[in-house]
Structures are given as structure tokens and as C-alpha cells.
Amino acid sequence: MGKSELDRVTDEKVAKGGVLAKLYFDMQHKEKDKLQPLLVDLINQRLLKEQGVVYCYGMIDEPLEKDGLFITSAIVTVLTENFFSLANIAFNYSPAGVEILKPMKEIVMRPHELQKYLMDLSSMSLNYSKYILEKVMKPEDIQKISTEIENRIELGKKMMEKKDNTEQAQ
């Protein structure tokens, strides 16, 4: 039996570092009719448009009522260009679970790829912390931390540029 176009695209991307995964989401709301549209929006308007997503599709369960709230879940299958794209999705959308389907054995990362990812992760964490702190701090404290963050970002960029130039010279 021949492979479908979806299988062919999946195999090609995974062979080049792509990752096929299932993401598990849950959601609750007081209004039953709001749940499924919210999850459809998550899949079609958000996840599908994320950088590095090749395709995604999902199955949304029928909402159940419990203690005055309606609860539902979705299983979303997503193919990303690389592990980093999948990790960014996990960070930004906080699925209840992640199951890597392909590759089945290992994911190989070059040191410079891992370093870039860790710097991106550090930046996301810093931005998240900044957002939270801005909601509870005095304006003068926010300015001080903002300046420190900007300086840290600039230093990180310079360090990466220096490293990239060193690698290119070798």
C-alpha cells in the first residue's frame, strides 16, 4: 500500500530534523458553547500559524459538565520543522501533555543549535518574568529591571555574534 501525501511530507521533514507530536489540551468554561470554538481557534488560528509548524490538525471532545463548569479536551497532531519549534509551542501554549511520535529513536542537535535554543528559552523566560513583575512592581523598579534586561539581551547578542564569527573563521 502506498504512502499518503501526509505520510510522505512527514517522513521527509522528520528525516531533516522535524518532529511529529501529539499535544493534549484541556479547557474549561462556564458556557458550553464557548469551548469548542476556543479550541478550534487554538488549532487553526494559533498553532497552525506558529513559526516552524508544517501542519497540525486536532480532534476536540464533546464538553462535559462538572460542578457548574464545562470541560473538554483536544488532541492535536503537529509536525514541526525541528525540536525547537515544538519546544516553543509547548512553552507558549502549555499543553497538558506532549507525546513525540517521530522520530522514534533520537533527536540529534549540534552544539550551536542547542546554544541558540537555550538562549531563546532564556529570553522567553526573561520576557515572561518581566511581564509578571510589571504587574506587581513600582514603576521605578520596573525601569531598573527593564534596563538590566535590555543590557542582558544586548550582551547575549554580542556573545552569539562573537561565537558565530569564531566558528566561521575556523
C-alpha atoms as a PDB file:
ATOM      1  CA  MET A   1       0.000   0.000   0.000  1.00  0.00           C
ATOM      2  CA  GLY A   2       1.393   3.394  -0.982  1.00  0.00           C
ATOM      3  CA  LYS A   3       2.061   6.241   1.379  1.00  0.00           C
ATOM      4  CA  SER A   4      -0.330   9.138   1.587  1.00  0.00           C
ATOM      5  CA  GLU A   5       0.875  12.650   0.801  1.00  0.00           C
ATOM      6  CA  LEU A   6       0.725  13.419   4.543  1.00  0.00           C
ATOM      7  CA  ASP A   7       2.946  10.417   5.348  1.00  0.00           C
ATOM      8  CA  ARG A   8       5.409  11.414   2.624  1.00  0.00           C
ATOM      9  CA  VAL A   9       5.681  15.022   3.896  1.00  0.00           C
ATOM     10  CA  THR A  10       6.003  13.785   7.474  1.00  0.00           C
ATOM     11  CA  ASP A  11       8.777  11.314   6.627  1.00  0.00           C
ATOM     12  CA  GLU A  12      10.691  13.929   4.605  1.00  0.00           C
ATOM     13  CA  LYS A  13      10.512  16.519   7.386  1.00  0.00           C
ATOM     14  CA  VAL A  14      11.430  14.053  10.142  1.00  0.00           C
ATOM     15  CA  ALA A  15      14.421  12.886   8.077  1.00  0.00           C
ATOM     16  CA  LYS A  16      15.589  16.526   8.047  1.00  0.00           C
ATOM     17  CA  GLY A  17      15.133  17.105  11.791  1.00  0.00           C
ATOM     18  CA  GLY A  18      11.367  17.565  12.018  1.00  0.00           C
ATOM     19  CA  VAL A  19       9.298  16.287  14.932  1.00  0.00           C
ATOM     20  CA  LEU A  20       5.804  14.782  14.823  1.00  0.00           C
ATOM     21  CA  ALA A  21       3.989  15.031  18.131  1.00  0.00           C
ATOM     22  CA  LYS A  22       0.606  14.888  19.785  1.00  0.00           C
ATOM     23  CA  LEU A  23      -0.302  17.746  22.076  1.00  0.00           C
ATOM     24  CA  TYR A  24      -3.013  17.309  24.685  1.00  0.00           C
ATOM     25  CA  PHE A  25      -5.024  20.357  25.706  1.00  0.00           C
ATOM     26  CA  ASP A  26      -7.820  20.779  28.194  1.00  0.00           C
ATOM     27  CA  MET A  27     -10.108  23.724  28.673  1.00  0.00           C
ATOM     28  CA  GLN A  28     -12.989  24.705  30.899  1.00  0.00           C
ATOM     29  CA  HIS A  29     -15.606  27.415  30.702  1.00  0.00           C
ATOM     30  CA  LYS A  30     -18.939  28.300  32.265  1.00  0.00           C
ATOM     31  CA  GLU A  31     -20.591  28.315  28.842  1.00  0.00           C
ATOM     32  CA  LYS A  32     -20.635  25.037  26.914  1.00  0.00           C
ATOM     33  CA  ASP A  33     -20.946  26.740  23.524  1.00  0.00           C
ATOM     34  CA  LYS A  34     -17.693  28.693  24.008  1.00  0.00           C
ATOM     35  CA  LEU A  35     -15.372  25.715  24.487  1.00  0.00           C
ATOM     36  CA  GLN A  36     -15.178  24.126  21.066  1.00  0.00           C
ATOM     37  CA  PRO A  37     -14.786  27.458  19.201  1.00  0.00           C
ATOM     38  CA  LEU A  38     -11.926  28.374  21.550  1.00  0.00           C
ATOM     39  CA  LEU A  39     -10.124  25.114  20.791  1.00  0.00           C
ATOM     40  CA  VAL A  40     -10.790  25.433  17.056  1.00  0.00           C
ATOM     41  CA  ASP A  41      -9.236  28.906  17.242  1.00  0.00           C
ATOM     42  CA  LEU A  42      -6.256  27.498  19.140  1.00  0.00           C
ATOM     43  CA  ILE A  43      -5.653  24.899  16.434  1.00  0.00           C
ATOM     44  CA  ASN A  44      -6.486  26.817  13.249  1.00  0.00           C
ATOM     45  CA  GLN A  45      -5.597  30.398  14.111  1.00  0.00           C
ATOM     46  CA  ARG A  46      -2.749  29.981  16.563  1.00  0.00           C
ATOM     47  CA  LEU A  47      -0.887  26.673  16.404  1.00  0.00           C
ATOM     48  CA  LEU A  48      -1.141  26.314  12.632  1.00  0.00           C
ATOM     49  CA  LYS A  49       0.351  29.797  12.206  1.00  0.00           C
ATOM     50  CA  GLU A  50       3.248  29.328  14.616  1.00  0.00           C
ATOM     51  CA  GLN A  51       6.727  29.591  13.152  1.00  0.00           C
ATOM     52  CA  GLY A  52       8.099  26.165  12.260  1.00  0.00           C
ATOM     53  CA  VAL A  53       4.724  24.374  12.066  1.00  0.00           C
ATOM     54  CA  VAL A  54       4.370  22.353   8.874  1.00  0.00           C
ATOM     55  CA  TYR A  55       0.850  21.148   9.650  1.00  0.00           C
ATOM     56  CA  CYS A  56      -1.445  20.441  12.540  1.00  0.00           C
ATOM     57  CA  TYR A  57      -4.903  19.025  12.994  1.00  0.00           C
ATOM     58  CA  GLY A  58      -6.941  18.112  16.018  1.00  0.00           C
ATOM     59  CA  MET A  59      -9.841  16.248  17.489  1.00  0.00           C
ATOM     60  CA  ILE A  60     -11.970  18.026  20.096  1.00  0.00           C
ATOM     61  CA  ASP A  61     -14.048  16.074  22.602  1.00  0.00           C
ATOM     62  CA  GLU A  62     -17.646  16.898  23.398  1.00  0.00           C
ATOM     63  CA  PRO A  63     -17.787  19.095  26.549  1.00  0.00           C
ATOM     64  CA  LEU A  64     -18.843  17.506  29.841  1.00  0.00           C
ATOM     65  CA  GLU A  65     -20.436  19.369  32.747  1.00  0.00           C
ATOM     66  CA  LYS A  66     -18.896  19.135  36.211  1.00  0.00           C
ATOM     67  CA  ASP A  67     -19.646  21.359  39.211  1.00  0.00           C
ATOM     68  CA  GLY A  68     -21.123  24.140  37.106  1.00  0.00           C
ATOM     69  CA  LEU A  69     -18.249  24.182  34.597  1.00  0.00           C
ATOM     70  CA  PHE A  70     -17.994  22.598  31.187  1.00  0.00           C
ATOM     71  CA  ILE A  71     -14.775  20.742  30.477  1.00  0.00           C
ATOM     72  CA  THR A  72     -13.359  19.466  27.216  1.00  0.00           C
ATOM     73  CA  SER A  73     -10.074  18.359  25.724  1.00  0.00           C
ATOM     74  CA  ALA A  74      -8.363  18.254  22.368  1.00  0.00           C
ATOM     75  CA  ILE A  75      -5.675  16.053  20.897  1.00  0.00           C
ATOM     76  CA  VAL A  76      -3.645  17.953  18.320  1.00  0.00           C
ATOM     77  CA  THR A  77      -1.197  16.267  15.983  1.00  0.00           C
ATOM     78  CA  VAL A  78       1.535  18.671  14.891  1.00  0.00           C
ATOM     79  CA  LEU A  79       4.538  18.368  12.606  1.00  0.00           C
ATOM     80  CA  THR A  80       7.253  20.937  13.240  1.00  0.00           C
ATOM     81  CA  GLU A  81      10.382  21.750  11.279  1.00  0.00           C
ATOM     82  CA  ASN A  82      12.539  20.957  14.319  1.00  0.00           C
ATOM     83  CA  PHE A  83      12.566  20.284  18.032  1.00  0.00           C
ATOM     84  CA  PHE A  84      12.940  23.971  18.851  1.00  0.00           C
ATOM     85  CA  SER A  85       9.654  24.875  17.162  1.00  0.00           C
ATOM     86  CA  LEU A  86       7.892  22.181  19.176  1.00  0.00           C
ATOM     87  CA  ALA A  87       9.516  23.342  22.406  1.00  0.00           C
ATOM     88  CA  ASN A  88       8.429  26.924  21.730  1.00  0.00           C
ATOM     89  CA  ILE A  89       4.857  25.750  21.223  1.00  0.00           C
ATOM     90  CA  ALA A  90       4.991  23.805  24.488  1.00  0.00           C
ATOM     91  CA  PHE A  91       6.328  26.885  26.285  1.00  0.00           C
ATOM     92  CA  ASN A  92       3.810  29.299  24.781  1.00  0.00           C
ATOM     93  CA  TYR A  93       0.653  27.161  24.895  1.00  0.00           C
ATOM     94  CA  SER A  94       1.249  24.902  27.933  1.00  0.00           C
ATOM     95  CA  PRO A  95      -0.359  21.686  26.740  1.00  0.00           C
ATOM     96  CA  ALA A  96      -1.368  19.213  29.450  1.00  0.00           C
ATOM     97  CA  GLY A  97       0.801  16.623  27.713  1.00  0.00           C
ATOM     98  CA  VAL A  98       3.195  16.115  24.807  1.00  0.00           C
ATOM     99  CA  GLU A  99       3.826  12.799  23.080  1.00  0.00           C
ATOM    100  CA  ILE A 100       6.611  12.619  20.491  1.00  0.00           C
ATOM    101  CA  LEU A 101       5.603  10.223  17.717  1.00  0.00           C
ATOM    102  CA  LYS A 102       8.550  10.681  15.340  1.00  0.00           C
ATOM    103  CA  PRO A 103      11.475  10.351  15.313  1.00  0.00           C
ATOM    104  CA  MET A 104      11.244   7.086  17.178  1.00  0.00           C
ATOM    105  CA  LYS A 105      14.878   6.832  18.267  1.00  0.00           C
ATOM    106  CA  GLU A 106      16.755  10.029  18.967  1.00  0.00           C
ATOM    107  CA  ILE A 107      16.905  13.712  18.162  1.00  0.00           C
ATOM    108  CA  VAL A 108      20.386  14.903  17.291  1.00  0.00           C
ATOM    109  CA  MET A 109      21.332  18.511  17.976  1.00  0.00           C
ATOM    110  CA  ARG A 110      24.523  20.303  17.110  1.00  0.00           C
ATOM    111  CA  PRO A 111      26.043  22.308  19.955  1.00  0.00           C
ATOM    112  CA  HIS A 112      25.367  25.658  18.230  1.00  0.00           C
ATOM    113  CA  GLU A 113      21.695  24.682  17.703  1.00  0.00           C
ATOM    114  CA  LEU A 114      21.323  23.773  21.349  1.00  0.00           C
ATOM    115  CA  GLN A 115      23.041  27.001  22.418  1.00  0.00           C
ATOM    116  CA  LYS A 116      20.712  29.078  20.247  1.00  0.00           C
ATOM    117  CA  TYR A 117      17.704  27.253  21.642  1.00  0.00           C
ATOM    118  CA  LEU A 118      18.852  27.768  25.216  1.00  0.00           C
ATOM    119  CA  MET A 119      19.371  31.483  24.536  1.00  0.00           C
ATOM    120  CA  ASP A 120      15.877  31.690  23.007  1.00  0.00           C
ATOM    121  CA  LEU A 121      14.452  29.862  26.013  1.00  0.00           C
ATOM    122  CA  SER A 122      16.293  32.191  28.361  1.00  0.00           C
ATOM    123  CA  SER A 123      14.903  35.202  26.507  1.00  0.00           C
ATOM    124  CA  MET A 124      11.345  33.824  26.653  1.00  0.00           C
ATOM    125  CA  SER A 125      11.693  33.164  30.354  1.00  0.00           C
ATOM    126  CA  LEU A 126      13.040  36.650  30.900  1.00  0.00           C
ATOM    127  CA  ASN A 127      10.165  38.225  28.957  1.00  0.00           C
ATOM    128  CA  TYR A 128       7.661  36.145  30.905  1.00  0.00           C
ATOM    129  CA  SER A 129       9.220  37.178  34.199  1.00  0.00           C
ATOM    130  CA  LYS A 130       9.239  40.798  33.079  1.00  0.00           C
ATOM    131  CA  TYR A 131       5.548  40.616  32.230  1.00  0.00           C
ATOM    132  CA  ILE A 132       4.697  39.195  35.642  1.00  0.00           C
ATOM    133  CA  LEU A 133       6.897  41.662  37.508  1.00  0.00           C
ATOM    134  CA  GLU A 134       5.404  44.637  35.666  1.00  0.00           C
ATOM    135  CA  LYS A 135       2.016  43.699  37.083  1.00  0.00           C
ATOM    136  CA  VAL A 136       3.202  43.851  40.721  1.00  0.00           C
ATOM    137  CA  MET A 137       6.137  46.297  40.866  1.00  0.00           C
ATOM    138  CA  LYS A 138       6.521  50.030  41.307  1.00  0.00           C
ATOM    139  CA  PRO A 139       7.315  51.992  38.108  1.00  0.00           C
ATOM    140  CA  GLU A 140      10.848  52.887  39.244  1.00  0.00           C
ATOM    141  CA  ASP A 141      11.642  49.229  39.988  1.00  0.00           C
ATOM    142  CA  ILE A 142      10.240  48.232  36.598  1.00  0.00           C
ATOM    143  CA  GLN A 143      12.520  50.754  34.856  1.00  0.00           C
ATOM    144  CA  LYS A 144      15.580  49.413  36.662  1.00  0.00           C
ATOM    145  CA  ILE A 145      14.774  45.811  35.735  1.00  0.00           C
ATOM    146  CA  SER A 146      13.911  46.811  32.140  1.00  0.00           C
ATOM    147  CA  THR A 147      17.328  48.428  31.770  1.00  0.00           C
ATOM    148  CA  GLU A 148      19.019  45.327  33.209  1.00  0.00           C
ATOM    149  CA  ILE A 149      17.067  43.091  30.820  1.00  0.00           C
ATOM    150  CA  GLU A 150      17.917  45.234  27.793  1.00  0.00           C
ATOM    151  CA  ASN A 151      21.597  45.177  28.766  1.00  0.00           C
ATOM    152  CA  ARG A 152      21.469  41.406  29.197  1.00  0.00           C
ATOM    153  CA  ILE A 153      19.842  40.932  25.791  1.00  0.00           C
ATOM    154  CA  GLU A 154      22.500  43.095  24.119  1.00  0.00           C
ATOM    155  CA  LEU A 155      25.290  41.195  25.871  1.00  0.00           C
ATOM    156  CA  GLY A 156      23.751  37.877  24.780  1.00  0.00           C
ATOM    157  CA  LYS A 157      23.529  39.062  21.163  1.00  0.00           C
ATOM    158  CA  LYS A 158      27.170  40.172  21.213  1.00  0.00           C
ATOM    159  CA  MET A 159      28.252  36.850  22.684  1.00  0.00           C
ATOM    160  CA  MET A 160      26.372  34.914  19.987  1.00  0.00           C
ATOM    161  CA  GLU A 161      27.773  37.137  17.213  1.00  0.00           C
ATOM    162  CA  LYS A 162      31.287  36.666  18.570  1.00  0.00           C
ATOM    163  CA  LYS A 163      30.780  32.910  18.705  1.00  0.00           C
ATOM    164  CA  ASP A 164      29.321  32.829  15.155  1.00  0.00           C
ATOM    165  CA  ASN A 165      32.298  34.842  13.839  1.00  0.00           C
ATOM    166  CA  THR A 166      34.724  32.498  15.596  1.00  0.00           C
ATOM    167  CA  GLU A 167      33.019  29.417  14.109  1.00  0.00           C
ATOM    168  CA  GLN A 168      33.033  30.930  10.601  1.00  0.00           C
ATOM    169  CA  ALA A 169      36.752  31.687  10.872  1.00  0.00           C
ATOM    170  CA  GLN A 170      37.544  28.051  11.675  1.00  0.00           C
END
